[in-house]
Structure formats: structure tokens, C-alpha cells
N, C-alpha and C. Protein backbone atom coordinates (compact mmCIF):
# COMPACT_ATOMS: atom_id res chain seq x y z
N UNK A 1 140.24 52.63 120.56
CA UNK A 1 141.56 52.04 120.45
C UNK A 1 142.30 52.69 119.30
N UNK A 2 143.58 52.95 119.50
CA UNK A 2 144.40 53.58 118.49
C UNK A 2 145.02 52.53 117.57
N UNK A 3 145.19 52.91 116.31
CA UNK A 3 145.91 52.07 115.37
C UNK A 3 147.40 52.19 115.69
N UNK A 4 148.15 51.16 115.41
CA UNK A 4 149.58 51.21 115.70
C UNK A 4 150.26 52.31 114.90
N UNK A 5 149.78 52.57 113.68
CA UNK A 5 150.38 53.64 112.87
C UNK A 5 150.11 55.01 113.49
N UNK A 6 148.94 55.20 114.10
CA UNK A 6 148.64 56.46 114.77
C UNK A 6 149.57 56.66 115.96
N UNK A 7 149.79 55.61 116.71
CA UNK A 7 150.69 55.69 117.86
C UNK A 7 152.11 56.01 117.41
N UNK A 8 152.56 55.38 116.33
CA UNK A 8 153.90 55.64 115.82
C UNK A 8 154.04 57.08 115.35
N UNK A 9 153.00 57.61 114.70
CA UNK A 9 153.03 59.00 114.25
C UNK A 9 153.09 59.94 115.44
N UNK A 10 152.29 59.64 116.48
CA UNK A 10 152.30 60.46 117.69
C UNK A 10 153.68 60.44 118.35
N UNK A 11 154.29 59.28 118.42
CA UNK A 11 155.63 59.17 119.01
C UNK A 11 156.63 59.99 118.20
N UNK A 12 156.51 59.96 116.87
CA UNK A 12 157.41 60.71 116.01
C UNK A 12 157.28 62.21 116.24
N UNK A 13 156.06 62.69 116.44
CA UNK A 13 155.83 64.10 116.73
C UNK A 13 156.43 64.46 118.08
N UNK A 14 156.19 63.63 119.08
CA UNK A 14 156.68 63.90 120.44
C UNK A 14 158.19 64.04 120.48
N UNK A 15 158.88 63.24 119.70
CA UNK A 15 160.34 63.27 119.71
C UNK A 15 160.88 64.58 119.13
N UNK A 16 160.08 65.27 118.32
CA UNK A 16 160.53 66.50 117.65
C UNK A 16 160.10 67.76 118.40
N UNK A 17 159.43 67.62 119.53
CA UNK A 17 158.94 68.77 120.28
C UNK A 17 159.80 69.03 121.51
N UNK A 18 159.91 70.31 121.87
CA UNK A 18 160.57 70.67 123.11
C UNK A 18 159.67 70.36 124.30
N UNK A 19 160.23 70.42 125.50
CA UNK A 19 159.46 70.08 126.70
C UNK A 19 158.24 70.97 126.88
N UNK A 20 158.40 72.28 126.72
CA UNK A 20 157.26 73.19 126.89
C UNK A 20 156.23 73.01 125.79
N UNK A 21 156.67 72.71 124.58
CA UNK A 21 155.73 72.43 123.49
C UNK A 21 154.90 71.19 123.81
N UNK A 22 155.54 70.18 124.37
CA UNK A 22 154.83 68.96 124.75
C UNK A 22 153.78 69.25 125.81
N UNK A 23 154.12 70.10 126.77
CA UNK A 23 153.17 70.44 127.84
C UNK A 23 151.97 71.17 127.27
N UNK A 24 152.21 72.14 126.37
CA UNK A 24 151.11 72.90 125.78
C UNK A 24 150.23 71.98 124.93
N UNK A 25 150.84 71.11 124.14
CA UNK A 25 150.05 70.18 123.32
C UNK A 25 149.24 69.24 124.21
N UNK A 26 149.84 68.75 125.29
CA UNK A 26 149.12 67.91 126.25
C UNK A 26 147.92 68.67 126.82
N UNK A 27 148.13 69.95 127.16
CA UNK A 27 147.05 70.76 127.74
C UNK A 27 145.89 70.88 126.76
N UNK A 28 146.18 71.13 125.49
CA UNK A 28 145.11 71.20 124.48
C UNK A 28 144.39 69.86 124.37
N UNK A 29 145.14 68.78 124.36
CA UNK A 29 144.52 67.46 124.21
C UNK A 29 143.68 67.09 125.44
N UNK A 30 144.11 67.49 126.61
CA UNK A 30 143.38 67.11 127.82
C UNK A 30 142.26 68.07 128.18
N UNK A 31 142.43 69.37 127.87
CA UNK A 31 141.44 70.37 128.27
C UNK A 31 140.58 70.87 127.12
N UNK A 32 141.00 70.64 125.91
CA UNK A 32 140.24 71.11 124.76
C UNK A 32 140.71 72.48 124.29
N UNK A 33 139.92 73.09 123.43
CA UNK A 33 140.27 74.37 122.82
C UNK A 33 140.28 75.47 123.88
N UNK A 34 141.22 76.41 123.73
CA UNK A 34 141.29 77.54 124.66
C UNK A 34 142.10 78.68 124.06
N UNK A 35 141.96 79.84 124.65
CA UNK A 35 142.72 81.02 124.23
C UNK A 35 144.11 80.97 124.86
N UNK A 36 144.99 81.86 124.39
CA UNK A 36 146.33 81.94 124.99
C UNK A 36 146.23 82.27 126.48
N UNK A 37 145.35 83.19 126.83
CA UNK A 37 145.19 83.58 128.25
C UNK A 37 144.69 82.41 129.08
N UNK A 38 143.74 81.65 128.54
CA UNK A 38 143.23 80.47 129.26
C UNK A 38 144.32 79.42 129.43
N UNK A 39 145.15 79.26 128.39
CA UNK A 39 146.26 78.31 128.47
C UNK A 39 147.23 78.73 129.56
N UNK A 40 147.59 80.02 129.57
CA UNK A 40 148.52 80.54 130.58
C UNK A 40 147.96 80.33 131.98
N UNK A 41 146.67 80.57 132.14
CA UNK A 41 146.04 80.39 133.45
C UNK A 41 146.03 78.91 133.84
N UNK A 42 145.68 78.04 132.90
CA UNK A 42 145.63 76.61 133.18
C UNK A 42 147.01 76.08 133.60
N UNK A 43 148.04 76.50 132.87
CA UNK A 43 149.40 76.00 133.16
C UNK A 43 150.08 76.79 134.28
N UNK A 44 149.47 77.90 134.68
CA UNK A 44 150.07 78.79 135.68
C UNK A 44 151.42 79.30 135.19
N UNK A 45 151.46 79.66 133.90
CA UNK A 45 152.64 80.22 133.25
C UNK A 45 152.36 81.67 132.92
N UNK A 46 153.41 82.50 132.78
CA UNK A 46 153.19 83.85 132.26
C UNK A 46 152.77 83.76 130.79
N UNK A 47 151.97 84.72 130.36
CA UNK A 47 151.47 84.70 128.99
C UNK A 47 152.60 84.71 127.98
N UNK A 48 153.73 85.36 128.31
CA UNK A 48 154.84 85.42 127.36
C UNK A 48 155.61 84.10 127.26
N UNK A 49 155.25 83.10 128.06
CA UNK A 49 155.79 81.75 127.90
C UNK A 49 154.83 80.87 127.09
N UNK A 50 153.56 81.24 127.14
CA UNK A 50 152.53 80.45 126.47
C UNK A 50 152.41 80.78 124.98
N UNK A 51 152.32 82.07 124.67
CA UNK A 51 152.09 82.50 123.29
C UNK A 51 153.13 81.95 122.32
N UNK A 52 154.43 82.03 122.63
CA UNK A 52 155.41 81.48 121.68
C UNK A 52 155.27 79.98 121.45
N UNK A 53 154.92 79.23 122.50
CA UNK A 53 154.76 77.78 122.34
C UNK A 53 153.57 77.47 121.44
N UNK A 54 152.46 78.20 121.61
CA UNK A 54 151.30 78.01 120.73
C UNK A 54 151.69 78.36 119.31
N UNK A 55 152.42 79.44 119.13
CA UNK A 55 152.85 79.87 117.80
C UNK A 55 153.74 78.78 117.15
N UNK A 56 154.64 78.22 117.91
CA UNK A 56 155.52 77.16 117.38
C UNK A 56 154.70 75.94 116.97
N UNK A 57 153.73 75.57 117.78
CA UNK A 57 152.87 74.42 117.44
C UNK A 57 152.01 74.71 116.22
N UNK A 58 151.59 75.95 116.06
CA UNK A 58 150.87 76.35 114.85
C UNK A 58 151.77 76.17 113.63
N UNK A 59 153.02 76.58 113.75
CA UNK A 59 153.98 76.44 112.65
C UNK A 59 154.23 75.00 112.25
N UNK A 60 154.09 74.10 113.20
CA UNK A 60 154.27 72.67 112.93
C UNK A 60 152.98 72.01 112.43
N UNK A 61 151.90 72.80 112.36
CA UNK A 61 150.62 72.28 111.87
C UNK A 61 149.88 71.44 112.89
N UNK A 62 150.23 71.55 114.18
CA UNK A 62 149.59 70.74 115.21
C UNK A 62 148.45 71.47 115.90
N UNK A 63 148.47 72.79 115.86
CA UNK A 63 147.47 73.62 116.50
C UNK A 63 146.95 74.63 115.48
N UNK A 64 145.67 74.93 115.54
CA UNK A 64 145.08 75.90 114.62
C UNK A 64 143.93 76.64 115.27
N UNK A 65 143.47 77.67 114.58
CA UNK A 65 142.37 78.50 115.08
C UNK A 65 141.06 77.72 115.04
N UNK A 66 140.31 77.83 116.13
CA UNK A 66 139.02 77.15 116.23
C UNK A 66 137.88 78.16 116.36
N UNK A 67 138.20 79.44 116.22
CA UNK A 67 137.19 80.49 116.33
C UNK A 67 137.71 81.62 117.20
N UNK A 68 136.79 82.42 117.71
CA UNK A 68 137.17 83.52 118.59
C UNK A 68 136.07 83.79 119.59
N UNK A 69 136.41 84.54 120.62
CA UNK A 69 135.43 84.93 121.64
C UNK A 69 135.95 86.17 122.36
N UNK A 70 135.09 86.79 123.10
CA UNK A 70 135.48 87.94 123.91
C UNK A 70 136.10 87.40 125.20
N UNK A 71 137.34 87.81 125.45
CA UNK A 71 138.06 87.35 126.64
C UNK A 71 137.75 88.18 127.87
N UNK A 72 138.41 87.87 128.97
CA UNK A 72 138.19 88.57 130.23
C UNK A 72 138.51 90.06 130.13
N UNK A 73 139.45 90.40 129.26
CA UNK A 73 139.85 91.80 129.10
C UNK A 73 138.85 92.60 128.27
N UNK A 74 137.87 91.91 127.68
CA UNK A 74 136.87 92.57 126.86
C UNK A 74 137.27 92.66 125.40
N UNK A 75 138.39 92.10 125.02
CA UNK A 75 138.83 92.11 123.63
C UNK A 75 138.60 90.73 123.02
N UNK A 76 138.54 90.72 121.69
CA UNK A 76 138.35 89.46 120.97
C UNK A 76 139.64 88.65 121.01
N UNK A 77 139.51 87.36 121.35
CA UNK A 77 140.65 86.45 121.47
C UNK A 77 140.44 85.25 120.55
N UNK A 78 141.51 84.77 119.99
CA UNK A 78 141.44 83.57 119.15
C UNK A 78 141.44 82.34 120.06
N UNK A 79 140.59 81.40 119.73
CA UNK A 79 140.53 80.13 120.42
C UNK A 79 141.39 79.15 119.61
N UNK A 80 142.35 78.53 120.26
CA UNK A 80 143.25 77.57 119.61
C UNK A 80 142.91 76.16 120.01
N UNK A 81 143.24 75.21 119.14
CA UNK A 81 143.02 73.80 119.46
C UNK A 81 143.82 72.89 118.55
N UNK A 82 143.86 71.64 118.90
CA UNK A 82 144.59 70.63 118.12
C UNK A 82 143.85 70.41 116.80
N UNK A 83 144.61 70.37 115.72
CA UNK A 83 144.01 70.13 114.39
C UNK A 83 144.22 68.70 113.96
């Protein structure tokens, strides 16, 4: 169960986010940590729509690095998640 203050803080954050930012944050909360490519695949968005939204959420302190892994392309990718 959530505390009422936690709910109020969450509502305050939601009001300050754009629609696409809300979708990306929801995806992290529902699916867990993932790379930009995994996020783009999950949302069925082009990567150039996903990366800026993750970057914006990082700037707001809502998303941060959770490690790295080798992606499908064979290069090292940062894993992002809710902080």
C-alpha cells in the first residue's frame, strides 16, 4: 500500500511530464530495466523517439543507469531504469 504522500508526489511528477515521457516512465515501471533499443522495441517506436525521452527523464532524476550489457548489435548498451 502506498502512503498518501507518495501518491501526491507521484501525481506532482506526472503533471510535469509530457505524454511520451509518461509512456516511457510507465514502460520502465511496468517492464523493469531495459536498454534504449529494448524500450523502442517494447513501445514499437523508432529509436530516435525513445532516446530523447529517456534522456529527458534522466535530466529530471527519474531514470538512471542500472548497468550495461551487450546488445543485439554486439555493442555495449546502457541499461536504464527508474531510480
